């Protein structure tokens, strides 16, 4: 593929896969986070059934993002994974717990309360681990000779804990706005009340992370605050305030679909801010995408398969959401 920078192409593919995972698995993780706040019985059954047909397909993008990183940027994968081993293990265990809870909650009625808590705690564990991992990468990874040279707990810091809590709030907002569109009655009313409070929590979290990030590195501060780039970067917080206002008004107006779309827009703006901070580095301040990339021959070979499989994934995902559109009931999906 002469004239095409395959490294940039693969960076775009990985970025798309990560964002797709965040927004698609984010709302079902958010429902798990909020699950204990719903009343036992119809409210919880509606919440669970709203994601039961699609939750496992959403996690396809996690495999795509992780597998693509390993194949297309093996140096980055070999650095990030050892730096975040405890977080990756916690995330996977959390996803296993919630996956088991989906099945056993309906099959093992006598212990449903236990499986409800397994669903919740697994969702919290997976989300918090993802958020802390993001913070750990942003704050910097100790690299020597293109290999991880840090310790077992280098990922643990006040900043990474803040990003972990911020992602909990963000996923919970996605989950509550999703339920507004998928449920009825008391479950919908409760989700709408939660969304109003969670919007405030998310805005506070965005502000905290936005203030702290430029303090981590002079490079981050330069990208966000130096002239003339600040004229462009300032549009991100401005658009965030506009989207938040529209979301707030849609909640007050009783809209059902707009709140979820606006919550997705908030995540898109947050993802845009992340790219502004780190691009073109895949390990911030240490390894660029070109330094981490696999050989061009490998990238080109993998791109052929990706060009086939990604449209298929998008097609069946869209079809499944179309088939299971509309409001949900309380009967078990089995």
C-alpha atoms as a PDB file:
ATOM      1  CA  UNK A   1       0.000   0.000   0.000  1.00  0.00           C
ATOM      2  CA  UNK A   2       2.357   2.634  -1.264  1.00  0.00           C
ATOM      3  CA  UNK A   3       1.745   6.145   0.017  1.00  0.00           C
ATOM      4  CA  UNK A   4      -0.406   4.995   2.949  1.00  0.00           C
ATOM      5  CA  UNK A   5       0.934   5.225   6.495  1.00  0.00           C
ATOM      6  CA  UNK A   6      -0.288   1.882   7.821  1.00  0.00           C
ATOM      7  CA  UNK A   7       0.773   2.817  11.329  1.00  0.00           C
ATOM      8  CA  UNK A   8      -1.677   5.719  11.333  1.00  0.00           C
ATOM      9  CA  UNK A   9      -4.359   3.451   9.884  1.00  0.00           C
ATOM     10  CA  UNK A  10      -3.839   0.940  12.666  1.00  0.00           C
ATOM     11  CA  UNK A  11      -3.782   3.682  15.288  1.00  0.00           C
ATOM     12  CA  UNK A  12      -7.194   4.749  14.002  1.00  0.00           C
ATOM     13  CA  UNK A  13      -8.510   1.172  14.088  1.00  0.00           C
ATOM     14  CA  UNK A  14      -7.355   0.634  17.669  1.00  0.00           C
ATOM     15  CA  UNK A  15      -8.759   4.005  18.743  1.00  0.00           C
ATOM     16  CA  UNK A  16     -12.101   3.144  17.150  1.00  0.00           C
ATOM     17  CA  UNK A  17     -12.193  -0.284  18.830  1.00  0.00           C
ATOM     18  CA  UNK A  18     -11.377   1.189  22.248  1.00  0.00           C
ATOM     19  CA  UNK A  19     -14.032   3.890  21.913  1.00  0.00           C
ATOM     20  CA  UNK A  20     -16.602   1.362  20.669  1.00  0.00           C
ATOM     21  CA  UNK A  21     -15.889  -0.810  23.702  1.00  0.00           C
ATOM     22  CA  UNK A  22     -16.111   2.112  26.129  1.00  0.00           C
ATOM     23  CA  UNK A  23     -19.495   3.319  24.908  1.00  0.00           C
ATOM     24  CA  UNK A  24     -21.055  -0.097  24.243  1.00  0.00           C
ATOM     25  CA  UNK A  25     -19.845  -2.052  27.240  1.00  0.00           C
ATOM     26  CA  UNK A  26     -19.878   1.141  29.304  1.00  0.00           C
ATOM     27  CA  UNK A  27     -23.639   1.372  29.618  1.00  0.00           C
ATOM     28  CA  UNK A  28     -24.103  -2.259  30.661  1.00  0.00           C
ATOM     29  CA  UNK A  29     -21.284  -1.934  33.196  1.00  0.00           C
ATOM     30  CA  UNK A  30     -23.046   1.222  34.352  1.00  0.00           C
ATOM     31  CA  UNK A  31     -26.278  -0.685  34.894  1.00  0.00           C
ATOM     32  CA  UNK A  32     -24.335  -3.168  37.016  1.00  0.00           C
ATOM     33  CA  UNK A  33     -22.885  -0.325  39.074  1.00  0.00           C
ATOM     34  CA  UNK A  34     -26.379   1.060  39.739  1.00  0.00           C
ATOM     35  CA  UNK A  35     -28.088  -2.315  40.122  1.00  0.00           C
ATOM     36  CA  UNK A  36     -28.493  -2.358  43.944  1.00  0.00           C
ATOM     37  CA  UNK A  37     -30.285   1.008  43.816  1.00  0.00           C
ATOM     38  CA  UNK A  38     -33.180  -0.545  41.879  1.00  0.00           C
ATOM     39  CA  UNK A  39     -35.980  -2.270  43.744  1.00  0.00           C
ATOM     40  CA  UNK A  40     -35.889  -6.065  43.935  1.00  0.00           C
ATOM     41  CA  UNK A  41     -38.311  -7.530  41.445  1.00  0.00           C
ATOM     42  CA  UNK A  42     -39.601  -5.752  38.369  1.00  0.00           C
ATOM     43  CA  UNK A  43     -37.137  -2.852  38.417  1.00  0.00           C
ATOM     44  CA  UNK A  44     -34.081  -5.094  38.548  1.00  0.00           C
ATOM     45  CA  UNK A  45     -35.565  -7.519  36.035  1.00  0.00           C
ATOM     46  CA  UNK A  46     -36.195  -4.706  33.543  1.00  0.00           C
ATOM     47  CA  UNK A  47     -32.668  -3.359  34.041  1.00  0.00           C
ATOM     48  CA  UNK A  48     -31.111  -6.779  33.462  1.00  0.00           C
ATOM     49  CA  UNK A  49     -33.289  -7.581  30.462  1.00  0.00           C
ATOM     50  CA  UNK A  50     -32.423  -4.280  28.779  1.00  0.00           C
ATOM     51  CA  UNK A  51     -28.862  -5.503  28.208  1.00  0.00           C
ATOM     52  CA  UNK A  52     -29.188  -9.290  28.336  1.00  0.00           C
ATOM     53  CA  UNK A  53     -29.375  -9.804  24.536  1.00  0.00           C
ATOM     54  CA  UNK A  54     -26.392  -7.576  23.705  1.00  0.00           C
ATOM     55  CA  UNK A  55     -23.949  -7.409  26.626  1.00  0.00           C
ATOM     56  CA  UNK A  56     -21.656 -10.222  25.467  1.00  0.00           C
ATOM     57  CA  UNK A  57     -21.480  -8.856  21.918  1.00  0.00           C
ATOM     58  CA  UNK A  58     -20.419  -5.480  23.328  1.00  0.00           C
ATOM     59  CA  UNK A  59     -17.267  -7.075  24.736  1.00  0.00           C
ATOM     60  CA  UNK A  60     -16.176  -8.080  21.230  1.00  0.00           C
ATOM     61  CA  UNK A  61     -14.584  -4.643  20.994  1.00  0.00           C
ATOM     62  CA  UNK A  62     -12.447  -5.317  24.063  1.00  0.00           C
ATOM     63  CA  UNK A  63     -10.954  -8.319  22.266  1.00  0.00           C
ATOM     64  CA  UNK A  64     -10.530  -6.240  19.122  1.00  0.00           C
ATOM     65  CA  UNK A  65      -8.776  -3.429  20.978  1.00  0.00           C
ATOM     66  CA  UNK A  66      -6.518  -5.638  23.081  1.00  0.00           C
ATOM     67  CA  UNK A  67      -5.724  -8.106  20.324  1.00  0.00           C
ATOM     68  CA  UNK A  68      -5.160  -5.324  17.817  1.00  0.00           C
ATOM     69  CA  UNK A  69      -2.763  -3.556  20.177  1.00  0.00           C
ATOM     70  CA  UNK A  70      -0.744  -6.731  20.623  1.00  0.00           C
ATOM     71  CA  UNK A  71      -0.597  -7.418  16.875  1.00  0.00           C
ATOM     72  CA  UNK A  72      -0.146  -3.912  15.485  1.00  0.00           C
ATOM     73  CA  UNK A  73       1.852  -2.290  18.309  1.00  0.00           C
ATOM     74  CA  UNK A  74       3.666  -5.151  20.068  1.00  0.00           C
ATOM     75  CA  UNK A  75       6.215  -2.882  21.785  1.00  0.00           C
ATOM     76  CA  UNK A  76       3.419  -0.862  23.427  1.00  0.00           C
ATOM     77  CA  UNK A  77       1.611  -4.043  24.442  1.00  0.00           C
ATOM     78  CA  UNK A  78       4.811  -5.416  26.003  1.00  0.00           C
ATOM     79  CA  UNK A  79       5.184  -2.211  28.046  1.00  0.00           C
ATOM     80  CA  UNK A  80       1.603  -1.456  29.084  1.00  0.00           C
ATOM     81  CA  UNK A  81       0.622  -4.986  30.105  1.00  0.00           C
ATOM     82  CA  UNK A  82       3.424  -5.553  32.682  1.00  0.00           C
ATOM     83  CA  UNK A  83       2.850  -2.026  34.012  1.00  0.00           C
ATOM     84  CA  UNK A  84      -0.818  -2.782  34.693  1.00  0.00           C
ATOM     85  CA  UNK A  85      -0.916  -6.530  35.417  1.00  0.00           C
ATOM     86  CA  UNK A  86      -2.928  -6.230  38.683  1.00  0.00           C
ATOM     87  CA  UNK A  87      -5.472  -3.987  36.959  1.00  0.00           C
ATOM     88  CA  UNK A  88      -5.855  -6.281  33.955  1.00  0.00           C
ATOM     89  CA  UNK A  89      -6.377  -9.259  36.269  1.00  0.00           C
ATOM     90  CA  UNK A  90      -8.948  -7.334  38.332  1.00  0.00           C
ATOM     91  CA  UNK A  91     -10.788  -6.238  35.185  1.00  0.00           C
ATOM     92  CA  UNK A  92     -10.971  -9.763  33.778  1.00  0.00           C
ATOM     93  CA  UNK A  93     -12.127 -11.229  37.096  1.00  0.00           C
ATOM     94  CA  UNK A  94     -14.819  -8.558  37.304  1.00  0.00           C
ATOM     95  CA  UNK A  95     -16.032  -9.333  33.788  1.00  0.00           C
ATOM     96  CA  UNK A  96     -16.111 -13.058  34.624  1.00  0.00           C
ATOM     97  CA  UNK A  97     -18.160 -12.448  37.778  1.00  0.00           C
ATOM     98  CA  UNK A  98     -20.758 -10.367  35.978  1.00  0.00           C
ATOM     99  CA  UNK A  99     -20.915 -12.793  33.051  1.00  0.00           C
ATOM    100  CA  UNK A 100     -21.640 -15.701  35.384  1.00  0.00           C
ATOM    101  CA  UNK A 101     -24.187 -13.586  37.262  1.00  0.00           C
ATOM    102  CA  UNK A 102     -26.158 -12.991  34.045  1.00  0.00           C
ATOM    103  CA  UNK A 103     -26.783 -16.711  33.676  1.00  0.00           C
ATOM    104  CA  UNK A 104     -27.117 -17.848  37.284  1.00  0.00           C
ATOM    105  CA  UNK A 105     -29.410 -15.001  38.339  1.00  0.00           C
ATOM    106  CA  UNK A 106     -32.249 -16.608  36.359  1.00  0.00           C
ATOM    107  CA  UNK A 107     -31.265 -20.254  36.871  1.00  0.00           C
ATOM    108  CA  UNK A 108     -30.601 -20.113  40.604  1.00  0.00           C
ATOM    109  CA  UNK A 109     -33.558 -18.223  42.037  1.00  0.00           C
ATOM    110  CA  UNK A 110     -32.843 -19.209  45.644  1.00  0.00           C
ATOM    111  CA  UNK A 111     -29.541 -17.303  45.579  1.00  0.00           C
ATOM    112  CA  UNK A 112     -30.635 -14.426  43.344  1.00  0.00           C
ATOM    113  CA  UNK A 113     -29.561 -11.823  45.907  1.00  0.00           C
ATOM    114  CA  UNK A 114     -26.010 -13.233  45.790  1.00  0.00           C
ATOM    115  CA  UNK A 115     -25.905 -13.103  41.991  1.00  0.00           C
ATOM    116  CA  UNK A 116     -27.279  -9.571  42.002  1.00  0.00           C
ATOM    117  CA  UNK A 117     -24.347  -8.494  44.159  1.00  0.00           C
ATOM    118  CA  UNK A 118     -21.919 -10.482  42.016  1.00  0.00           C
ATOM    119  CA  UNK A 119     -23.244  -8.605  38.988  1.00  0.00           C
ATOM    120  CA  UNK A 120     -22.800  -5.270  40.767  1.00  0.00           C
ATOM    121  CA  UNK A 121     -19.392  -5.882  42.315  1.00  0.00           C
ATOM    122  CA  UNK A 122     -18.040  -7.403  39.092  1.00  0.00           C
ATOM    123  CA  UNK A 123     -19.173  -4.317  37.186  1.00  0.00           C
ATOM    124  CA  UNK A 124     -17.587  -1.975  39.745  1.00  0.00           C
ATOM    125  CA  UNK A 125     -14.326  -3.943  39.766  1.00  0.00           C
ATOM    126  CA  UNK A 126     -14.027  -4.018  35.966  1.00  0.00           C
ATOM    127  CA  UNK A 127     -14.895  -0.329  35.579  1.00  0.00           C
ATOM    128  CA  UNK A 128     -12.622   0.920  38.351  1.00  0.00           C
ATOM    129  CA  UNK A 129      -9.726  -1.150  37.004  1.00  0.00           C
ATOM    130  CA  UNK A 130     -10.212   0.347  33.533  1.00  0.00           C
ATOM    131  CA  UNK A 131     -10.288   3.875  34.942  1.00  0.00           C
ATOM    132  CA  UNK A 132      -7.189   3.378  37.079  1.00  0.00           C
ATOM    133  CA  UNK A 133      -5.417   1.858  34.055  1.00  0.00           C
ATOM    134  CA  UNK A 134      -6.198   4.987  32.037  1.00  0.00           C
ATOM    135  CA  UNK A 135      -4.794   7.174  34.798  1.00  0.00           C
ATOM    136  CA  UNK A 136      -1.697   5.017  35.111  1.00  0.00           C
ATOM    137  CA  UNK A 137      -0.971   5.366  31.395  1.00  0.00           C
ATOM    138  CA  UNK A 138      -1.592   9.118  31.417  1.00  0.00           C
ATOM    139  CA  UNK A 139       0.663   9.772  34.401  1.00  0.00           C
ATOM    140  CA  UNK A 140       3.519   7.992  32.622  1.00  0.00           C
ATOM    141  CA  UNK A 141       5.149   4.572  32.547  1.00  0.00           C
ATOM    142  CA  UNK A 142       8.794   4.055  33.397  1.00  0.00           C
ATOM    143  CA  UNK A 143      10.411   2.764  30.197  1.00  0.00           C
ATOM    144  CA  UNK A 144      14.019   1.809  29.519  1.00  0.00           C
ATOM    145  CA  UNK A 145      15.196   0.404  26.190  1.00  0.00           C
ATOM    146  CA  UNK A 146      11.578  -0.027  25.064  1.00  0.00           C
ATOM    147  CA  UNK A 147      10.717  -2.235  28.048  1.00  0.00           C
ATOM    148  CA  UNK A 148       8.838  -1.644  31.282  1.00  0.00           C
ATOM    149  CA  UNK A 149      11.284  -0.736  34.047  1.00  0.00           C
ATOM    150  CA  UNK A 150       8.898   0.149  36.872  1.00  0.00           C
ATOM    151  CA  UNK A 151       7.560  -1.661  39.904  1.00  0.00           C
ATOM    152  CA  UNK A 152       4.488  -3.753  40.693  1.00  0.00           C
ATOM    153  CA  UNK A 153       2.480  -0.817  42.115  1.00  0.00           C
ATOM    154  CA  UNK A 154       3.665   2.107  39.983  1.00  0.00           C
ATOM    155  CA  UNK A 155       0.125   2.422  38.617  1.00  0.00           C
ATOM    156  CA  UNK A 156      -1.230   3.378  42.053  1.00  0.00           C
ATOM    157  CA  UNK A 157      -1.427   7.134  42.608  1.00  0.00           C
ATOM    158  CA  UNK A 158      -3.982   9.785  43.615  1.00  0.00           C
ATOM    159  CA  UNK A 159      -4.437  10.708  39.944  1.00  0.00           C
ATOM    160  CA  UNK A 160      -5.125   7.116  38.833  1.00  0.00           C
ATOM    161  CA  UNK A 161      -7.625   6.679  41.676  1.00  0.00           C
ATOM    162  CA  UNK A 162      -9.408   9.859  40.562  1.00  0.00           C
ATOM    163  CA  UNK A 163      -9.664   8.578  36.988  1.00  0.00           C
ATOM    164  CA  UNK A 164     -10.995   5.281  38.338  1.00  0.00           C
ATOM    165  CA  UNK A 165     -13.776   7.051  40.251  1.00  0.00           C
ATOM    166  CA  UNK A 166     -14.443   9.306  37.242  1.00  0.00           C
ATOM    167  CA  UNK A 167     -15.024   6.305  34.989  1.00  0.00           C
ATOM    168  CA  UNK A 168     -17.399   4.780  37.567  1.00  0.00           C
ATOM    169  CA  UNK A 169     -19.474   7.970  37.404  1.00  0.00           C
ATOM    170  CA  UNK A 170     -19.289   8.093  33.608  1.00  0.00           C
ATOM    171  CA  UNK A 171     -20.383   4.494  33.068  1.00  0.00           C
ATOM    172  CA  UNK A 172     -23.159   4.922  35.633  1.00  0.00           C
ATOM    173  CA  UNK A 173     -24.434   7.939  33.672  1.00  0.00           C
ATOM    174  CA  UNK A 174     -24.401   5.901  30.464  1.00  0.00           C
ATOM    175  CA  UNK A 175     -26.289   3.092  32.213  1.00  0.00           C
ATOM    176  CA  UNK A 176     -28.949   5.365  33.697  1.00  0.00           C
ATOM    177  CA  UNK A 177     -29.602   7.166  30.398  1.00  0.00           C
ATOM    178  CA  UNK A 178     -29.794   3.816  28.571  1.00  0.00           C
ATOM    179  CA  UNK A 179     -32.452   2.631  31.035  1.00  0.00           C
ATOM    180  CA  UNK A 180     -34.491   5.801  30.478  1.00  0.00           C
ATOM    181  CA  UNK A 181     -35.005   4.705  26.893  1.00  0.00           C
ATOM    182  CA  UNK A 182     -35.451   0.981  27.562  1.00  0.00           C
ATOM    183  CA  UNK A 183     -37.655   0.787  30.672  1.00  0.00           C
ATOM    184  CA  UNK A 184     -41.020   2.045  31.844  1.00  0.00           C
ATOM    185  CA  UNK A 185     -42.769   2.916  35.079  1.00  0.00           C
ATOM    186  CA  UNK A 186     -40.862   3.120  38.347  1.00  0.00           C
ATOM    187  CA  UNK A 187     -37.624   1.794  36.820  1.00  0.00           C
ATOM    188  CA  UNK A 188     -37.577   4.591  34.256  1.00  0.00           C
ATOM    189  CA  UNK A 189     -38.429   7.245  36.845  1.00  0.00           C
ATOM    190  CA  UNK A 190     -35.641   6.003  39.106  1.00  0.00           C
ATOM    191  CA  UNK A 191     -33.156   5.971  36.216  1.00  0.00           C
ATOM    192  CA  UNK A 192     -34.099   9.554  35.340  1.00  0.00           C
ATOM    193  CA  UNK A 193     -33.490  10.716  38.919  1.00  0.00           C
ATOM    194  CA  UNK A 194     -30.139   8.939  38.987  1.00  0.00           C
ATOM    195  CA  UNK A 195     -29.094  10.479  35.676  1.00  0.00           C
ATOM    196  CA  UNK A 196     -29.646  14.012  36.984  1.00  0.00           C
ATOM    197  CA  UNK A 197     -27.330  13.453  39.944  1.00  0.00           C
ATOM    198  CA  UNK A 198     -24.811  11.480  37.933  1.00  0.00           C
ATOM    199  CA  UNK A 199     -24.532  14.272  35.378  1.00  0.00           C
ATOM    200  CA  UNK A 200     -23.324  16.579  38.154  1.00  0.00           C
ATOM    201  CA  UNK A 201     -20.870  13.912  39.348  1.00  0.00           C
ATOM    202  CA  UNK A 202     -19.516  13.408  35.826  1.00  0.00           C
ATOM    203  CA  UNK A 203     -19.043  17.150  35.261  1.00  0.00           C
ATOM    204  CA  UNK A 204     -17.168  17.394  38.559  1.00  0.00           C
ATOM    205  CA  UNK A 205     -15.014  14.397  37.586  1.00  0.00           C
ATOM    206  CA  UNK A 206     -14.285  15.862  34.147  1.00  0.00           C
ATOM    207  CA  UNK A 207     -13.247  19.145  35.759  1.00  0.00           C
ATOM    208  CA  UNK A 208     -10.979  17.375  38.272  1.00  0.00           C
ATOM    209  CA  UNK A 209      -9.223  15.258  35.635  1.00  0.00           C
ATOM    210  CA  UNK A 210      -8.956  18.223  33.248  1.00  0.00           C
ATOM    211  CA  UNK A 211      -7.263  20.360  35.898  1.00  0.00           C
ATOM    212  CA  UNK A 212      -4.950  17.570  37.072  1.00  0.00           C
ATOM    213  CA  UNK A 213      -3.804  16.342  33.643  1.00  0.00           C
ATOM    214  CA  UNK A 214      -1.776  19.443  32.624  1.00  0.00           C
ATOM    215  CA  UNK A 215      -0.096  19.304  36.031  1.00  0.00           C
ATOM    216  CA  UNK A 216       1.279  15.838  35.252  1.00  0.00           C
ATOM    217  CA  UNK A 217       3.543  16.986  32.442  1.00  0.00           C
ATOM    218  CA  UNK A 218       4.755  20.163  30.775  1.00  0.00           C
ATOM    219  CA  UNK A 219       3.941  18.514  27.453  1.00  0.00           C
ATOM    220  CA  UNK A 220       0.291  18.097  28.476  1.00  0.00           C
ATOM    221  CA  UNK A 221       0.180  21.728  29.626  1.00  0.00           C
ATOM    222  CA  UNK A 222       1.703  22.933  26.363  1.00  0.00           C
ATOM    223  CA  UNK A 223      -0.774  21.008  24.250  1.00  0.00           C
ATOM    224  CA  UNK A 224      -3.784  22.377  26.116  1.00  0.00           C
ATOM    225  CA  UNK A 225      -2.751  25.878  27.145  1.00  0.00           C
ATOM    226  CA  UNK A 226      -0.101  27.220  24.744  1.00  0.00           C
ATOM    227  CA  UNK A 227      -1.029  29.697  22.028  1.00  0.00           C
ATOM    228  CA  UNK A 228      -2.317  29.288  19.383  1.00  0.00           C
ATOM    229  CA  UNK A 229      -3.405  25.661  20.046  1.00  0.00           C
ATOM    230  CA  UNK A 230      -5.479  26.775  23.043  1.00  0.00           C
ATOM    231  CA  UNK A 231      -7.901  28.386  20.574  1.00  0.00           C
ATOM    232  CA  UNK A 232      -8.699  24.887  19.312  1.00  0.00           C
ATOM    233  CA  UNK A 233      -8.413  22.886  22.522  1.00  0.00           C
ATOM    234  CA  UNK A 234     -10.701  25.331  24.337  1.00  0.00           C
ATOM    235  CA  UNK A 235     -13.534  24.124  22.105  1.00  0.00           C
ATOM    236  CA  UNK A 236     -13.540  20.744  23.882  1.00  0.00           C
ATOM    237  CA  UNK A 237     -14.580  22.065  27.331  1.00  0.00           C
ATOM    238  CA  UNK A 238     -16.970  24.516  25.662  1.00  0.00           C
ATOM    239  CA  UNK A 239     -18.696  21.730  23.739  1.00  0.00           C
ATOM    240  CA  UNK A 240     -18.743  19.634  26.915  1.00  0.00           C
ATOM    241  CA  UNK A 241     -20.732  22.345  28.709  1.00  0.00           C
ATOM    242  CA  UNK A 242     -23.140  22.652  25.780  1.00  0.00           C
ATOM    243  CA  UNK A 243     -23.721  18.887  25.611  1.00  0.00           C
ATOM    244  CA  UNK A 244     -24.182  18.724  29.395  1.00  0.00           C
ATOM    245  CA  UNK A 245     -26.781  21.513  29.202  1.00  0.00           C
ATOM    246  CA  UNK A 246     -28.697  19.697  26.443  1.00  0.00           C
ATOM    247  CA  UNK A 247     -28.563  16.491  28.489  1.00  0.00           C
ATOM    248  CA  UNK A 248     -29.883  18.303  31.563  1.00  0.00           C
ATOM    249  CA  UNK A 249     -32.717  19.906  29.600  1.00  0.00           C
ATOM    250  CA  UNK A 250     -33.651  16.605  27.963  1.00  0.00           C
ATOM    251  CA  UNK A 251     -33.924  14.967  31.381  1.00  0.00           C
ATOM    252  CA  UNK A 252     -36.181  17.778  32.605  1.00  0.00           C
ATOM    253  CA  UNK A 253     -38.293  17.589  29.432  1.00  0.00           C
ATOM    254  CA  UNK A 254     -38.902  13.853  29.847  1.00  0.00           C
ATOM    255  CA  UNK A 255     -37.059  12.819  26.689  1.00  0.00           C
ATOM    256  CA  UNK A 256     -36.206   9.127  26.373  1.00  0.00           C
ATOM    257  CA  UNK A 257     -33.500   8.861  23.699  1.00  0.00           C
ATOM    258  CA  UNK A 258     -31.749  12.235  23.758  1.00  0.00           C
ATOM    259  CA  UNK A 259     -30.181  11.728  27.225  1.00  0.00           C
ATOM    260  CA  UNK A 260     -28.320   8.603  26.097  1.00  0.00           C
ATOM    261  CA  UNK A 261     -27.127  10.267  22.894  1.00  0.00           C
ATOM    262  CA  UNK A 262     -25.848  13.246  24.870  1.00  0.00           C
ATOM    263  CA  UNK A 263     -24.089  10.929  27.346  1.00  0.00           C
ATOM    264  CA  UNK A 264     -22.366   9.290  24.379  1.00  0.00           C
ATOM    265  CA  UNK A 265     -21.373  12.749  23.143  1.00  0.00           C
ATOM    266  CA  UNK A 266     -19.770  13.493  26.519  1.00  0.00           C
ATOM    267  CA  UNK A 267     -17.677  10.355  26.192  1.00  0.00           C
ATOM    268  CA  UNK A 268     -16.715  11.286  22.629  1.00  0.00           C
ATOM    269  CA  UNK A 269     -15.505  14.676  23.841  1.00  0.00           C
ATOM    270  CA  UNK A 270     -13.582  13.024  26.671  1.00  0.00           C
ATOM    271  CA  UNK A 271     -11.980  10.638  24.187  1.00  0.00           C
ATOM    272  CA  UNK A 272     -11.088  13.595  21.968  1.00  0.00           C
ATOM    273  CA  UNK A 273      -9.403  15.258  24.929  1.00  0.00           C
ATOM    274  CA  UNK A 274      -7.432  12.090  25.590  1.00  0.00           C
ATOM    275  CA  UNK A 275      -6.182  12.018  21.997  1.00  0.00           C
ATOM    276  CA  UNK A 276      -5.171  15.677  22.235  1.00  0.00           C
ATOM    277  CA  UNK A 277      -3.101  14.850  25.310  1.00  0.00           C
ATOM    278  CA  UNK A 278      -1.269  11.773  24.069  1.00  0.00           C
ATOM    279  CA  UNK A 279      -1.136  11.590  20.259  1.00  0.00           C
ATOM    280  CA  UNK A 280       1.123  10.427  18.611  1.00  0.00           C
ATOM    281  CA  UNK A 281       2.395   8.550  21.664  1.00  0.00           C
ATOM    282  CA  UNK A 282       0.982   5.174  22.559  1.00  0.00           C
ATOM    283  CA  UNK A 283       3.007   5.193  25.785  1.00  0.00           C
ATOM    284  CA  UNK A 284       2.876   8.912  26.683  1.00  0.00           C
ATOM    285  CA  UNK A 285       6.257  10.617  26.589  1.00  0.00           C
ATOM    286  CA  UNK A 286       8.124   7.391  25.936  1.00  0.00           C
ATOM    287  CA  UNK A 287       7.064   5.445  22.828  1.00  0.00           C
ATOM    288  CA  UNK A 288       5.337   6.837  19.737  1.00  0.00           C
ATOM    289  CA  UNK A 289       3.012   4.812  17.528  1.00  0.00           C
ATOM    290  CA  UNK A 290       5.773   4.498  14.910  1.00  0.00           C
ATOM    291  CA  UNK A 291       8.313   3.248  17.450  1.00  0.00           C
ATOM    292  CA  UNK A 292       5.819   0.685  18.780  1.00  0.00           C
ATOM    293  CA  UNK A 293       4.512  -0.505  15.415  1.00  0.00           C
ATOM    294  CA  UNK A 294       4.878  -3.975  13.923  1.00  0.00           C
ATOM    295  CA  UNK A 295       6.701  -4.310  10.558  1.00  0.00           C
ATOM    296  CA  UNK A 296       4.765  -2.904   7.565  1.00  0.00           C
ATOM    297  CA  UNK A 297       4.393  -6.388   6.078  1.00  0.00           C
ATOM    298  CA  UNK A 298       2.651  -7.605   9.231  1.00  0.00           C
ATOM    299  CA  UNK A 299       0.412  -4.550   9.361  1.00  0.00           C
ATOM    300  CA  UNK A 300      -0.622  -5.009   5.737  1.00  0.00           C
ATOM    301  CA  UNK A 301      -1.347  -8.728   6.214  1.00  0.00           C
ATOM    302  CA  UNK A 302      -3.515  -8.054   9.292  1.00  0.00           C
ATOM    303  CA  UNK A 303      -5.317  -5.203   7.597  1.00  0.00           C
ATOM    304  CA  UNK A 304      -6.775  -7.564   5.006  1.00  0.00           C
ATOM    305  CA  UNK A 305      -8.499  -9.642   7.683  1.00  0.00           C
ATOM    306  CA  UNK A 306      -9.533  -6.571   9.640  1.00  0.00           C
ATOM    307  CA  UNK A 307     -11.145  -5.018   6.561  1.00  0.00           C
ATOM    308  CA  UNK A 308     -13.367  -8.107   6.378  1.00  0.00           C
ATOM    309  CA  UNK A 309     -14.130  -8.804  10.025  1.00  0.00           C
ATOM    310  CA  UNK A 310     -14.799  -5.272  11.334  1.00  0.00           C
ATOM    311  CA  UNK A 311     -17.703  -4.570   8.927  1.00  0.00           C
ATOM    312  CA  UNK A 312     -19.135  -7.982   9.857  1.00  0.00           C
ATOM    313  CA  UNK A 313     -18.925  -7.116  13.573  1.00  0.00           C
ATOM    314  CA  UNK A 314     -20.556  -3.737  12.978  1.00  0.00           C
ATOM    315  CA  UNK A 315     -23.301  -5.358  10.881  1.00  0.00           C
ATOM    316  CA  UNK A 316     -24.272  -8.060  13.368  1.00  0.00           C
ATOM    317  CA  UNK A 317     -24.027  -5.622  16.272  1.00  0.00           C
ATOM    318  CA  UNK A 318     -26.324  -3.170  14.535  1.00  0.00           C
ATOM    319  CA  UNK A 319     -28.709  -5.991  13.606  1.00  0.00           C
ATOM    320  CA  UNK A 320     -28.893  -7.263  17.192  1.00  0.00           C
ATOM    321  CA  UNK A 321     -29.666  -3.787  18.524  1.00  0.00           C
ATOM    322  CA  UNK A 322     -32.346  -3.376  15.856  1.00  0.00           C
ATOM    323  CA  UNK A 323     -33.957  -6.725  16.654  1.00  0.00           C
ATOM    324  CA  UNK A 324     -34.064  -5.986  20.392  1.00  0.00           C
ATOM    325  CA  UNK A 325     -35.106  -2.343  20.062  1.00  0.00           C
ATOM    326  CA  UNK A 326     -37.955  -0.906  22.112  1.00  0.00           C
ATOM    327  CA  UNK A 327     -39.006  -1.327  25.706  1.00  0.00           C
ATOM    328  CA  UNK A 328     -38.232  -4.432  27.744  1.00  0.00           C
ATOM    329  CA  UNK A 329     -40.393  -6.506  30.062  1.00  0.00           C
ATOM    330  CA  UNK A 330     -39.656  -8.369  33.265  1.00  0.00           C
ATOM    331  CA  UNK A 331     -39.662 -11.967  32.006  1.00  0.00           C
ATOM    332  CA  UNK A 332     -36.254 -13.670  32.010  1.00  0.00           C
ATOM    333  CA  UNK A 333     -34.517 -13.606  28.643  1.00  0.00           C
ATOM    334  CA  UNK A 334     -33.925 -17.366  28.796  1.00  0.00           C
END
